[in-house]
Amino acid sequence: MQTETKTDTQNMAKRDEKTMSIKTLTKSSAWDVQENDIFRMWEGAEKDPEVKENIRHYVDIIRNAFMIEEVKGDQNIERKKYEKMGYKVAEVKLDDNQRITWAIKKRPIMRVTDLTYENIRHITAAKLIEVLDRNFGGGWESLSQSIRDIIESGFDISTTTLPKERLHKKGGMYEKKVNDGFEVLEVPKGTWVEAIFAKIKPEAEKPRLKLESKIDEEDEDYEIEDTYNRPDEDDEEIDDPNDDQITEENYSTMMEIETDPDEEAEEMSVYGDD
């Protein structure tokens, strides 16, 4: 089996970007594209009536991953100002009578508070370690529970705290984790060190519910027979007795005759006298 190379993955990502459009863009997938892609997709949707009617909706999706500024005043001066700050600047058409100039820049992920459920799977483990290193001090437990939940939704995280001289012990946890592809952040704590290991979680496939019908879907004449009130085949059908069929011989078997207790007592006394 051939393994997928980094180049193959990049080529697949480029193909996906080409097939994406403003209408298929989501708050998560917006993190996969760049500023020029947004301008290209918007240009391709200029004549789409659905986009025109829901401009605010699509702009809100873009704003989740990009900062958007409208360039006003002297276009040349404003354009250069935004370009120096790393923005891409271009003109977009909102409707048939309105064209404006946008300055767009991908939102940076610099602090742990920049991490969201939408972007956590769009950064590498090395990038996560960089963000944690820039914000750390107290260790993994110093992060708020909400931030830890976001991180752990996209990464496998484990920690260990050991004396400095024992952390890099040959054959220890540190070596095993690194060999398994984990990135590591070391947080000094006096003479001890907390090591935080991070590795991207594989995306779990969503289970598909498959319902198999025993009835051929093509057989439209198939009817389900209602047997709810039908007796079982093993049950014998018992008819009520017919008066004409009752005779002296079978009468006693057709019904139970109750005897009088006083009569039984009298008969017993007769036998006793004898």
Protein backbone atom coordinates (compact mmCIF):
# COMPACT_ATOMS: atom_id res chain seq x y z
CA MET A 1 0.00 0.00 0.00
CA GLN A 2 1.35 3.42 -0.94
CA THR A 3 1.60 5.96 1.83
CA GLU A 4 0.24 9.47 1.36
CA THR A 5 3.07 11.99 1.12
CA LYS A 6 3.05 15.58 2.28
CA THR A 7 2.97 16.68 -1.37
CA ASP A 8 -0.10 14.52 -2.02
CA THR A 9 -1.87 16.10 0.95
CA GLN A 10 -1.03 19.60 -0.26
CA ASN A 11 -2.27 18.81 -3.77
CA MET A 12 -5.52 17.45 -2.36
CA ALA A 13 -5.97 20.60 -0.25
CA LYS A 14 -5.44 22.76 -3.34
CA ARG A 15 -8.05 20.79 -5.27
CA ASP A 16 -10.52 21.19 -2.41
CA GLU A 17 -9.90 24.95 -2.32
CA LYS A 18 -10.67 25.20 -6.03
CA THR A 19 -13.99 23.40 -5.59
CA MET A 20 -15.02 25.47 -2.58
CA SER A 21 -17.33 28.42 -3.00
CA ILE A 22 -18.83 31.13 -0.84
CA LYS A 23 -21.98 29.03 -0.52
CA THR A 24 -20.13 25.91 0.68
CA LEU A 25 -17.84 27.81 3.05
CA THR A 26 -18.32 27.12 6.76
CA LYS A 27 -16.90 28.68 9.92
CA SER A 28 -14.52 25.73 10.14
CA SER A 29 -13.49 25.38 6.48
CA ALA A 30 -12.86 29.14 6.26
CA TRP A 31 -9.64 28.47 8.19
CA ASP A 32 -8.40 26.32 5.30
CA VAL A 33 -8.39 29.13 2.72
CA GLN A 34 -6.38 32.31 2.29
CA GLU A 35 -7.25 35.94 1.57
CA ASN A 36 -6.91 35.59 -2.22
CA ASP A 37 -9.24 32.58 -2.14
CA ILE A 38 -11.94 34.70 -0.49
CA PHE A 39 -11.71 37.34 -3.21
CA ARG A 40 -11.79 34.65 -5.90
CA MET A 41 -14.83 32.90 -4.40
CA TRP A 42 -16.66 36.19 -3.90
CA GLU A 43 -16.06 37.14 -7.52
CA GLY A 44 -17.48 33.78 -8.61
CA ALA A 45 -20.66 34.40 -6.59
CA GLU A 46 -21.33 38.00 -7.70
CA LYS A 47 -24.23 36.96 -9.95
CA ASP A 48 -25.72 34.40 -7.57
CA PRO A 49 -29.09 35.73 -6.33
CA GLU A 50 -28.91 33.64 -3.15
CA VAL A 51 -25.61 35.25 -2.17
CA LYS A 52 -26.98 38.71 -2.93
CA GLU A 53 -29.99 38.10 -0.68
CA ASN A 54 -27.87 36.71 2.19
CA ILE A 55 -24.74 38.87 2.03
CA ARG A 56 -24.61 39.39 5.80
CA HIS A 57 -24.77 35.64 6.45
CA TYR A 58 -21.82 34.87 4.17
CA VAL A 59 -19.80 37.83 5.45
CA ASP A 60 -20.30 36.59 9.04
CA ILE A 61 -18.90 33.18 8.06
CA ILE A 62 -15.84 34.84 6.52
CA ARG A 63 -15.36 37.07 9.58
CA ASN A 64 -15.03 33.99 11.77
CA ALA A 65 -11.58 33.37 10.24
CA PHE A 66 -10.72 36.75 8.68
CA MET A 67 -10.62 40.37 9.69
CA ILE A 68 -12.45 42.49 7.12
CA GLU A 69 -12.07 46.25 6.86
CA GLU A 70 -13.71 48.55 4.33
CA VAL A 71 -11.13 50.82 2.71
CA LYS A 72 -12.39 54.41 2.62
CA GLY A 73 -10.93 57.83 1.95
CA ASP A 74 -7.90 58.11 -0.28
CA GLN A 75 -7.67 54.63 -1.79
CA ASN A 76 -3.94 54.72 -2.43
CA ILE A 77 -2.99 55.86 1.06
CA GLU A 78 -5.44 53.51 2.82
CA ARG A 79 -4.50 50.58 0.61
CA LYS A 80 -0.80 50.96 1.41
CA LYS A 81 -1.56 51.29 5.12
CA TYR A 82 -3.47 48.01 5.20
CA GLU A 83 -0.97 46.21 2.98
CA LYS A 84 1.83 47.13 5.42
CA MET A 85 -0.19 45.43 8.16
CA GLY A 86 -0.41 42.24 6.12
CA TYR A 87 -3.89 42.72 4.63
CA LYS A 88 -4.84 41.78 1.07
CA VAL A 89 -6.80 44.56 -0.59
CA ALA A 90 -9.23 44.21 -3.51
CA GLU A 91 -12.57 45.49 -4.78
CA VAL A 92 -15.71 43.42 -4.31
CA LYS A 93 -19.20 43.75 -5.73
CA LEU A 94 -22.05 43.60 -3.24
CA ASP A 95 -24.84 44.21 -5.77
CA ASP A 96 -25.34 45.65 -9.23
CA ASN A 97 -24.99 49.21 -7.96
CA GLN A 98 -22.46 48.88 -5.14
CA ARG A 99 -18.78 48.08 -5.27
CA ILE A 100 -16.49 48.55 -2.27
CA THR A 101 -12.85 47.86 -1.42
CA TRP A 102 -12.10 45.27 1.22
CA ALA A 103 -8.93 44.76 3.21
CA ILE A 104 -8.82 41.14 4.42
CA LYS A 105 -6.39 39.40 6.75
CA LYS A 106 -6.48 35.93 8.31
CA ARG A 107 -7.09 36.12 12.04
CA PRO A 108 -3.84 35.29 13.87
CA ILE A 109 -3.72 32.56 16.47
CA MET A 110 -1.29 33.99 18.98
CA ARG A 111 -2.86 33.40 22.38
CA VAL A 112 -4.81 30.55 23.91
CA THR A 113 -7.88 32.78 23.87
CA ASP A 114 -7.64 32.80 20.05
CA LEU A 115 -8.31 29.06 19.99
CA THR A 116 -11.84 27.99 19.04
CA TYR A 117 -13.64 24.78 18.16
CA GLU A 118 -13.66 26.00 14.54
CA ASN A 119 -9.90 26.56 14.20
CA ILE A 120 -8.39 24.00 16.60
CA ARG A 121 -8.17 21.32 13.90
CA HIS A 122 -6.56 23.73 11.46
CA ILE A 123 -3.30 24.20 13.35
CA THR A 124 -0.38 21.83 13.84
CA ALA A 125 0.84 20.41 17.14
CA ALA A 126 3.96 22.56 16.74
CA LYS A 127 1.76 25.65 16.39
CA LEU A 128 -0.21 24.68 19.49
CA ILE A 129 3.01 24.29 21.50
CA GLU A 130 4.09 27.72 20.26
CA VAL A 131 0.80 29.26 21.41
CA LEU A 132 0.98 27.53 24.80
CA ASP A 133 4.60 28.56 25.28
CA ARG A 134 3.69 32.19 24.62
CA ASN A 135 0.97 32.14 27.27
CA PHE A 136 2.20 29.69 29.87
CA GLY A 137 3.47 30.06 33.37
CA GLY A 138 1.49 27.86 35.69
CA GLY A 139 1.29 24.72 33.55
CA TRP A 140 -1.57 22.82 31.95
CA GLU A 141 -3.87 23.12 34.96
CA SER A 142 -3.51 26.90 34.89
CA LEU A 143 -5.58 27.02 31.70
CA SER A 144 -9.32 27.49 32.04
CA GLN A 145 -11.46 24.39 31.61
CA SER A 146 -13.09 25.86 28.49
CA ILE A 147 -9.70 26.36 26.79
CA ARG A 148 -8.59 22.85 27.75
CA ASP A 149 -11.82 21.42 26.31
CA ILE A 150 -11.20 23.22 23.01
CA ILE A 151 -7.59 21.98 22.81
CA GLU A 152 -8.51 18.40 23.71
CA SER A 153 -11.21 18.36 21.02
CA GLY A 154 -8.42 18.44 18.45
CA PHE A 155 -5.35 17.08 20.23
CA ASP A 156 -4.30 14.20 22.44
CA ILE A 157 -2.81 15.84 25.54
CA SER A 158 -0.86 14.21 28.35
CA THR A 159 1.40 15.64 31.04
CA THR A 160 4.04 14.53 33.51
CA THR A 161 5.97 16.42 36.18
CA LEU A 162 9.42 15.14 37.14
CA PRO A 163 12.72 16.40 38.52
CA LYS A 164 14.87 17.93 35.75
CA GLU A 165 17.45 15.15 35.84
CA ARG A 166 14.81 12.41 35.47
CA LEU A 167 12.65 13.96 32.73
CA HIS A 168 14.91 12.89 29.85
CA LYS A 169 15.75 9.49 31.30
CA LYS A 170 16.45 6.99 28.54
CA GLY A 171 13.42 4.82 27.82
CA GLY A 172 11.16 7.06 29.88
CA MET A 173 7.82 8.65 29.04
CA TYR A 174 9.45 11.68 27.38
CA GLU A 175 11.39 9.57 24.90
CA LYS A 176 8.42 7.30 24.15
CA LYS A 177 6.09 10.23 23.49
CA VAL A 178 8.54 11.98 21.19
CA ASN A 179 9.11 8.76 19.24
CA ASP A 180 5.33 8.45 18.92
CA GLY A 181 5.09 11.84 17.19
CA PHE A 182 4.15 14.09 20.11
CA GLU A 183 5.33 17.69 20.35
CA VAL A 184 6.52 18.68 23.83
CA LEU A 185 6.46 21.85 25.89
CA GLU A 186 8.58 21.95 29.04
CA VAL A 187 7.37 24.26 31.82
CA PRO A 188 9.96 24.80 34.59
CA LYS A 189 8.65 24.53 38.15
CA GLY A 190 11.62 25.13 40.38
CA THR A 191 13.77 22.02 40.38
CA TRP A 192 10.98 20.11 38.65
CA VAL A 193 9.66 20.33 35.07
CA GLU A 194 6.14 19.79 33.75
CA ALA A 195 6.18 18.27 30.26
CA ILE A 196 3.04 18.77 28.15
CA PHE A 197 2.73 16.41 25.18
CA ALA A 198 0.46 17.23 22.23
CA LYS A 199 -0.46 15.27 19.13
CA ILE A 200 -3.23 15.85 16.58
CA LYS A 201 -6.19 13.54 17.08
CA PRO A 202 -7.27 11.55 14.03
CA GLU A 203 -10.71 12.62 12.93
CA ALA A 204 -13.18 9.93 13.88
CA GLU A 205 -15.53 8.80 11.14
CA LYS A 206 -19.15 9.50 11.85
CA PRO A 207 -21.06 6.23 12.24
CA ARG A 208 -23.57 5.61 9.50
CA LEU A 209 -26.92 4.11 10.45
CA LYS A 210 -27.78 1.44 7.91
CA LEU A 211 -31.31 0.09 7.95
CA GLU A 212 -31.86 -3.11 5.98
CA SER A 213 -35.42 -4.00 5.07
CA LYS A 214 -36.40 -7.62 4.70
CA ILE A 215 -39.06 -6.55 2.25
CA ASP A 216 -38.00 -6.05 -1.35
CA GLU A 217 -38.45 -2.33 -1.99
CA GLU A 218 -39.25 -3.07 -5.63
CA ASP A 219 -42.22 -5.27 -4.70
CA GLU A 220 -44.86 -2.57 -4.46
CA ASP A 221 -47.72 -5.09 -4.15
CA TYR A 222 -46.31 -6.58 -0.97
CA GLU A 223 -48.84 -6.32 1.86
CA ILE A 224 -48.26 -6.99 5.51
CA GLU A 225 -50.95 -9.38 6.78
CA ASP A 226 -52.52 -8.43 10.08
CA THR A 227 -52.60 -11.55 12.26
CA TYR A 228 -52.96 -9.79 15.57
CA ASN A 229 -56.40 -11.22 16.43
CA ARG A 230 -55.86 -14.60 14.75
CA PRO A 231 -55.46 -17.54 17.19
CA ASP A 232 -52.28 -19.56 17.05
CA GLU A 233 -52.24 -22.71 14.97
CA ASP A 234 -51.53 -24.80 18.07
CA ASP A 235 -54.59 -23.50 19.85
CA GLU A 236 -57.63 -25.78 19.51
CA GLU A 237 -60.87 -24.06 18.77
CA ILE A 238 -63.49 -24.96 21.38
CA ASP A 239 -67.14 -24.71 20.36
CA ASP A 240 -69.90 -24.07 22.82
CA PRO A 241 -71.96 -27.24 23.49
CA ASN A 242 -75.12 -27.74 21.46
CA ASP A 243 -78.22 -28.63 23.50
CA ASP A 244 -79.29 -31.20 20.88
CA GLN A 245 -76.01 -33.08 21.29
CA ILE A 246 -76.30 -33.47 25.06
CA THR A 247 -77.29 -37.01 26.10
CA GLU A 248 -77.57 -38.85 29.37
CA GLU A 249 -74.19 -40.50 28.77
CA ASN A 250 -72.24 -37.37 28.06
CA TYR A 251 -74.16 -34.96 30.24
CA SER A 252 -71.85 -35.41 33.23
CA THR A 253 -68.83 -34.66 31.08
CA MET A 254 -70.33 -31.51 29.69
CA MET A 255 -70.77 -29.76 32.99
CA GLU A 256 -69.81 -30.06 36.60
CA ILE A 257 -72.63 -31.01 38.95
CA GLU A 258 -72.37 -29.63 42.43
CA THR A 259 -73.58 -31.83 45.28
CA ASP A 260 -75.41 -30.74 48.39
CA PRO A 261 -73.21 -31.06 51.50
CA ASP A 262 -76.23 -32.07 53.65
CA GLU A 263 -77.04 -34.95 51.31
CA GLU A 264 -73.44 -36.18 51.46
CA ALA A 265 -73.56 -36.09 55.26
CA GLU A 266 -76.78 -38.07 55.34
CA GLU A 267 -75.35 -40.77 53.09
CA MET A 268 -72.29 -41.05 55.27
CA SER A 269 -74.47 -41.57 58.38
CA VAL A 270 -76.27 -44.45 56.70
CA TYR A 271 -73.01 -46.23 56.02
CA GLY A 272 -71.99 -45.62 59.61
CA ASP A 273 -75.14 -47.26 61.01
CA ASP A 274 -74.52 -50.39 58.95
